[in-house]
């Protein structure tokens, strides 16, 4: 039983080293985020994509409130993908 446990532990360690950790700790680049908060009453249906794409989006900062509970908020994120990420 101990030999099997040691083999399983080695497989887990290899998975963590070769697959999981490289996927978790990635390089990051900045994004510019803007948002539009629908003025529709909360009880009404959420804004559609067709409506949302025609709106003016305002800059949105990290930690900023998303709006009232159950409100519809649309986000627009833009950035540049580094060439090395192909």
Protein backbone atom coordinates (compact mmCIF):
# COMPACT_ATOMS: atom_id res chain seq x y z
CA UNK A 1 0.00 0.00 0.00
CA UNK A 2 2.82 2.45 0.80
CA UNK A 3 4.38 1.94 -2.64
CA UNK A 4 1.07 2.77 -4.31
CA UNK A 5 0.64 5.88 -2.17
CA UNK A 6 4.12 7.08 -3.11
CA UNK A 7 3.35 6.57 -6.82
CA UNK A 8 0.08 8.47 -6.51
CA UNK A 9 1.82 11.33 -4.71
CA UNK A 10 4.43 11.54 -7.48
CA UNK A 11 1.66 11.72 -10.08
CA UNK A 12 -0.06 14.49 -8.14
CA UNK A 13 3.20 16.42 -7.81
CA UNK A 14 3.87 16.05 -11.53
CA UNK A 15 0.36 17.26 -12.40
CA UNK A 16 0.77 20.29 -10.16
CA UNK A 17 4.22 21.11 -11.53
CA UNK A 18 3.54 20.55 -15.25
CA UNK A 19 -0.13 21.42 -15.68
CA UNK A 20 -1.77 23.33 -12.88
CA UNK A 21 0.82 25.85 -11.69
CA UNK A 22 1.74 27.08 -15.19
CA UNK A 23 -1.96 27.68 -15.84
CA UNK A 24 -2.57 29.54 -12.57
CA UNK A 25 0.38 31.91 -12.43
CA UNK A 26 0.23 33.76 -15.72
CA UNK A 27 1.61 37.06 -16.87
CA UNK A 28 -0.92 39.89 -16.83
CA UNK A 29 -1.45 43.02 -18.89
CA UNK A 30 -3.58 46.05 -18.05
CA UNK A 31 -7.14 46.38 -19.37
CA UNK A 32 -9.26 49.46 -19.78
CA UNK A 33 -12.74 48.79 -18.41
CA UNK A 34 -15.87 50.84 -18.94
CA UNK A 35 -19.45 50.14 -17.90
CA UNK A 36 -23.01 51.04 -18.67
CA UNK A 37 -25.71 50.63 -16.00
CA UNK A 38 -29.21 50.12 -17.37
CA UNK A 39 -31.75 52.62 -16.08
CA UNK A 40 -34.58 50.08 -16.51
CA UNK A 41 -36.43 49.24 -13.31
CA UNK A 42 -35.07 46.13 -11.62
CA UNK A 43 -38.34 44.23 -12.10
CA UNK A 44 -38.24 44.70 -15.90
CA UNK A 45 -36.32 42.47 -18.28
CA UNK A 46 -32.57 43.09 -18.52
CA UNK A 47 -31.24 45.24 -21.33
CA UNK A 48 -30.60 43.37 -24.55
CA UNK A 49 -27.27 43.25 -26.35
CA UNK A 50 -28.71 45.34 -29.19
CA UNK A 51 -29.62 48.05 -26.67
CA UNK A 52 -26.36 47.83 -24.73
CA UNK A 53 -24.03 48.25 -27.72
CA UNK A 54 -25.66 51.59 -28.55
CA UNK A 55 -24.99 53.11 -25.12
CA UNK A 56 -22.23 55.41 -23.86
CA UNK A 57 -19.93 53.56 -21.48
CA UNK A 58 -18.18 55.36 -18.61
CA UNK A 59 -14.76 54.44 -17.17
CA UNK A 60 -15.03 51.81 -14.45
CA UNK A 61 -12.40 51.55 -11.71
CA UNK A 62 -11.50 48.51 -9.61
CA UNK A 63 -13.61 48.43 -6.44
CA UNK A 64 -16.31 50.66 -7.89
CA UNK A 65 -19.94 49.68 -7.13
CA UNK A 66 -21.72 47.82 -9.92
CA UNK A 67 -25.08 49.40 -9.29
CA UNK A 68 -28.14 48.52 -7.25
CA UNK A 69 -29.03 44.89 -6.53
CA UNK A 70 -30.35 42.98 -9.56
CA UNK A 71 -29.52 45.86 -11.90
CA UNK A 72 -28.17 45.16 -15.36
CA UNK A 73 -24.59 46.30 -15.90
CA UNK A 74 -22.70 45.83 -19.15
CA UNK A 75 -18.91 45.95 -19.20
CA UNK A 76 -16.54 46.74 -22.04
CA UNK A 77 -12.92 45.65 -21.60
CA UNK A 78 -10.16 46.53 -24.05
CA UNK A 79 -6.47 45.76 -24.06
CA UNK A 80 -3.57 44.51 -26.14
CA UNK A 81 -2.64 40.83 -26.26
CA UNK A 82 1.15 40.50 -26.18
CA UNK A 83 2.67 38.81 -29.25
CA UNK A 84 4.30 36.17 -27.05
CA UNK A 85 0.89 34.86 -25.95
CA UNK A 86 0.07 33.35 -29.36
